Each structure stands twice: as structure tokens, then as C-alpha cells.
Amino acid sequence: VPLPLVTRVRDELTRMEQAGVIRKITEPTEWCAPIVPVIKSNNTIRICVDLKRLNKSVLRERYILPT
């Protein structure tokens, strides 16, 4: 996170946590997703998440169609 945006990102993450959108994790986890803060046109912060690493880790059920 760029230094000028640290406090604004922290405030947005706190707001999202209080709204129940996200929750704080205090113990180690197997994966994490990097975030990218984006300044919207109304000068508020949007938190974007890159889920490429998560998608690689998800075990999907395969439904093979009969031919």
C-alpha cells in the first residue's frame, strides 16, 4: 500500500470489518490474497483483491459428462 494511502486504507478496512463484509484473522493461514487500493472518482477508497492464488488452491469437483 502506498504510504500516503495507509491511513485511508486502514479506515476502509475497519469500516468493512464493522459492516461484516470482512473479518480479521489473527492466526496463520494457508493463503492470503494481495489487495490493491484504488481511489474512486468521488475520492473514496475501493479495496480490490487479486484472487489468482486462491483460485489455484481451490479444489473443484469435476463432473465428467458421458459422451
N, C-alpha and C. Protein backbone atom coordinates (compact mmCIF):
# COMPACT_ATOMS: atom_id res chain seq x y z
N VAL A 1 0.86 -1.17 0.00
CA VAL A 1 0.00 0.00 0.00
C VAL A 1 0.90 1.23 0.00
N PRO A 2 0.67 2.18 -0.89
CA PRO A 2 1.47 3.41 -0.89
C PRO A 2 1.31 4.16 0.43
N LEU A 3 2.40 4.71 0.92
CA LEU A 3 2.39 5.39 2.23
C LEU A 3 1.33 6.48 2.36
N PRO A 4 1.07 7.30 1.34
CA PRO A 4 0.03 8.32 1.52
C PRO A 4 -1.38 7.75 1.72
N LEU A 5 -1.58 6.49 1.34
CA LEU A 5 -2.92 5.89 1.43
C LEU A 5 -3.09 4.97 2.63
N VAL A 6 -2.06 4.77 3.44
CA VAL A 6 -2.12 3.80 4.53
C VAL A 6 -3.27 4.08 5.49
N THR A 7 -3.43 5.31 5.95
CA THR A 7 -4.49 5.60 6.91
C THR A 7 -5.87 5.46 6.28
N ARG A 8 -6.01 5.86 5.02
CA ARG A 8 -7.31 5.75 4.36
C ARG A 8 -7.68 4.29 4.12
N VAL A 9 -6.69 3.47 3.77
CA VAL A 9 -6.94 2.04 3.57
C VAL A 9 -7.29 1.38 4.90
N ARG A 10 -6.58 1.73 5.96
CA ARG A 10 -6.86 1.18 7.28
C ARG A 10 -8.29 1.55 7.70
N ASP A 11 -8.69 2.80 7.46
CA ASP A 11 -10.05 3.23 7.80
C ASP A 11 -11.10 2.44 7.00
N GLU A 12 -10.83 2.22 5.71
CA GLU A 12 -11.77 1.47 4.87
C GLU A 12 -11.85 0.01 5.32
N LEU A 13 -10.73 -0.59 5.67
CA LEU A 13 -10.74 -1.97 6.15
C LEU A 13 -11.50 -2.06 7.48
N THR A 14 -11.34 -1.09 8.35
CA THR A 14 -12.08 -1.06 9.62
C THR A 14 -13.57 -0.93 9.37
N ARG A 15 -13.95 -0.06 8.42
CA ARG A 15 -15.36 0.12 8.08
C ARG A 15 -15.94 -1.18 7.53
N MET A 16 -15.19 -1.85 6.66
CA MET A 16 -15.66 -3.11 6.07
C MET A 16 -15.78 -4.20 7.13
N GLU A 17 -14.87 -4.21 8.10
CA GLU A 17 -14.93 -5.19 9.18
C GLU A 17 -16.15 -4.95 10.06
N GLN A 18 -16.43 -3.70 10.38
CA GLN A 18 -17.58 -3.37 11.21
C GLN A 18 -18.89 -3.67 10.50
N ALA A 19 -18.90 -3.57 9.15
CA ALA A 19 -20.10 -3.85 8.38
C ALA A 19 -20.31 -5.34 8.17
N GLY A 20 -19.32 -6.16 8.57
CA GLY A 20 -19.45 -7.60 8.43
C GLY A 20 -19.06 -8.12 7.05
N VAL A 21 -18.43 -7.30 6.24
CA VAL A 21 -18.02 -7.72 4.91
C VAL A 21 -16.78 -8.60 4.99
N ILE A 22 -15.86 -8.23 5.86
CA ILE A 22 -14.63 -8.99 6.07
C ILE A 22 -14.48 -9.25 7.56
N ARG A 23 -13.57 -10.14 7.90
CA ARG A 23 -13.26 -10.33 9.32
C ARG A 23 -11.76 -10.46 9.48
N LYS A 24 -11.28 -10.04 10.64
CA LYS A 24 -9.86 -10.03 10.93
C LYS A 24 -9.41 -11.44 11.30
N ILE A 25 -8.28 -11.84 10.73
CA ILE A 25 -7.68 -13.14 11.01
C ILE A 25 -6.41 -12.89 11.80
N THR A 26 -6.30 -13.52 12.97
CA THR A 26 -5.13 -13.29 13.82
C THR A 26 -4.19 -14.49 13.86
N GLU A 27 -4.65 -15.65 13.36
CA GLU A 27 -3.79 -16.81 13.36
C GLU A 27 -3.24 -17.04 11.94
N PRO A 28 -2.18 -17.84 11.82
CA PRO A 28 -1.63 -18.11 10.49
C PRO A 28 -2.65 -18.80 9.59
N THR A 29 -2.57 -18.51 8.31
CA THR A 29 -3.47 -19.11 7.34
C THR A 29 -2.66 -19.68 6.19
N GLU A 30 -3.25 -20.60 5.44
CA GLU A 30 -2.53 -21.25 4.35
C GLU A 30 -2.33 -20.35 3.14
N TRP A 31 -3.18 -19.37 2.97
CA TRP A 31 -3.05 -18.48 1.82
C TRP A 31 -3.52 -17.09 2.20
N CYS A 32 -3.13 -16.14 1.42
CA CYS A 32 -3.64 -14.78 1.58
C CYS A 32 -3.75 -14.17 0.18
N ALA A 33 -4.61 -13.21 0.04
CA ALA A 33 -4.83 -12.56 -1.25
C ALA A 33 -4.32 -11.12 -1.16
N PRO A 34 -3.49 -10.71 -2.10
CA PRO A 34 -2.99 -9.34 -2.08
C PRO A 34 -4.11 -8.34 -2.40
N ILE A 35 -4.07 -7.19 -1.75
CA ILE A 35 -5.06 -6.15 -2.01
C ILE A 35 -4.41 -5.00 -2.77
N VAL A 36 -5.24 -4.30 -3.52
CA VAL A 36 -4.81 -3.11 -4.24
C VAL A 36 -5.82 -2.01 -3.95
N PRO A 37 -5.40 -0.92 -3.30
CA PRO A 37 -6.34 0.18 -3.07
C PRO A 37 -6.46 1.04 -4.33
N VAL A 38 -7.69 1.41 -4.67
CA VAL A 38 -7.96 2.24 -5.84
C VAL A 38 -8.75 3.46 -5.38
N ILE A 39 -8.34 4.63 -5.81
CA ILE A 39 -9.08 5.86 -5.48
C ILE A 39 -10.19 6.04 -6.51
N LYS A 40 -11.42 6.07 -6.03
CA LYS A 40 -12.57 6.24 -6.90
C LYS A 40 -12.74 7.72 -7.27
N SER A 41 -13.63 8.00 -8.20
CA SER A 41 -13.81 9.37 -8.68
C SER A 41 -14.35 10.31 -7.61
N ASN A 42 -15.05 9.77 -6.58
CA ASN A 42 -15.55 10.62 -5.50
C ASN A 42 -14.54 10.71 -4.35
N ASN A 43 -13.29 10.31 -4.61
CA ASN A 43 -12.16 10.43 -3.68
C ASN A 43 -12.26 9.46 -2.49
N THR A 44 -13.04 8.40 -2.62
CA THR A 44 -13.06 7.36 -1.60
C THR A 44 -12.18 6.20 -2.07
N ILE A 45 -11.90 5.29 -1.16
CA ILE A 45 -11.01 4.16 -1.46
C ILE A 45 -11.83 2.92 -1.77
N ARG A 46 -11.46 2.21 -2.81
CA ARG A 46 -12.04 0.90 -3.11
C ARG A 46 -10.93 -0.13 -2.90
N ILE A 47 -11.24 -1.19 -2.19
CA ILE A 47 -10.28 -2.26 -1.94
C ILE A 47 -10.53 -3.36 -2.98
N CYS A 48 -9.55 -3.61 -3.82
CA CYS A 48 -9.64 -4.67 -4.83
C CYS A 48 -8.75 -5.82 -4.38
N VAL A 49 -9.17 -7.04 -4.67
CA VAL A 49 -8.44 -8.23 -4.25
C VAL A 49 -8.11 -9.06 -5.48
N ASP A 50 -6.86 -9.54 -5.54
CA ASP A 50 -6.42 -10.42 -6.62
C ASP A 50 -6.55 -11.86 -6.13
N LEU A 51 -7.49 -12.60 -6.69
CA LEU A 51 -7.78 -13.95 -6.21
C LEU A 51 -7.15 -15.05 -7.08
N LYS A 52 -6.13 -14.72 -7.86
CA LYS A 52 -5.49 -15.72 -8.71
C LYS A 52 -4.88 -16.84 -7.88
N ARG A 53 -4.20 -16.51 -6.78
CA ARG A 53 -3.59 -17.53 -5.92
C ARG A 53 -4.67 -18.41 -5.29
N LEU A 54 -5.76 -17.80 -4.86
CA LEU A 54 -6.85 -18.57 -4.25
C LEU A 54 -7.46 -19.53 -5.27
N ASN A 55 -7.70 -19.06 -6.48
CA ASN A 55 -8.31 -19.91 -7.50
C ASN A 55 -7.44 -21.12 -7.81
N LYS A 56 -6.11 -20.99 -7.72
CA LYS A 56 -5.23 -22.12 -7.94
C LYS A 56 -5.32 -23.13 -6.80
N SER A 57 -5.67 -22.69 -5.60
CA SER A 57 -5.72 -23.55 -4.43
C SER A 57 -7.06 -24.24 -4.23
N VAL A 58 -8.11 -23.75 -4.86
CA VAL A 58 -9.45 -24.31 -4.66
C VAL A 58 -9.54 -25.68 -5.33
N LEU A 59 -10.00 -26.66 -4.56
CA LEU A 59 -10.23 -27.99 -5.11
C LEU A 59 -11.64 -28.03 -5.68
N ARG A 60 -11.73 -28.25 -6.96
CA ARG A 60 -13.03 -28.24 -7.63
C ARG A 60 -13.48 -29.68 -7.91
N GLU A 61 -14.77 -29.90 -7.82
CA GLU A 61 -15.31 -31.19 -8.19
C GLU A 61 -15.45 -31.23 -9.70
N ARG A 62 -15.07 -32.33 -10.28
CA ARG A 62 -15.15 -32.50 -11.73
C ARG A 62 -16.36 -33.35 -12.07
N TYR A 63 -17.21 -32.83 -12.91
CA TYR A 63 -18.37 -33.57 -13.38
C TYR A 63 -18.13 -33.89 -14.86
N ILE A 64 -17.68 -35.12 -15.10
CA ILE A 64 -17.39 -35.53 -16.47
C ILE A 64 -18.70 -35.97 -17.12
N LEU A 65 -19.01 -35.36 -18.23
CA LEU A 65 -20.24 -35.71 -18.95
C LEU A 65 -20.00 -36.95 -19.81
N PRO A 66 -20.94 -37.85 -19.82
CA PRO A 66 -20.77 -39.03 -20.68
C PRO A 66 -20.86 -38.64 -22.15
N THR A 67 -20.08 -39.30 -22.96
CA THR A 67 -20.10 -38.99 -24.40
C THR A 67 -20.92 -40.00 -25.15
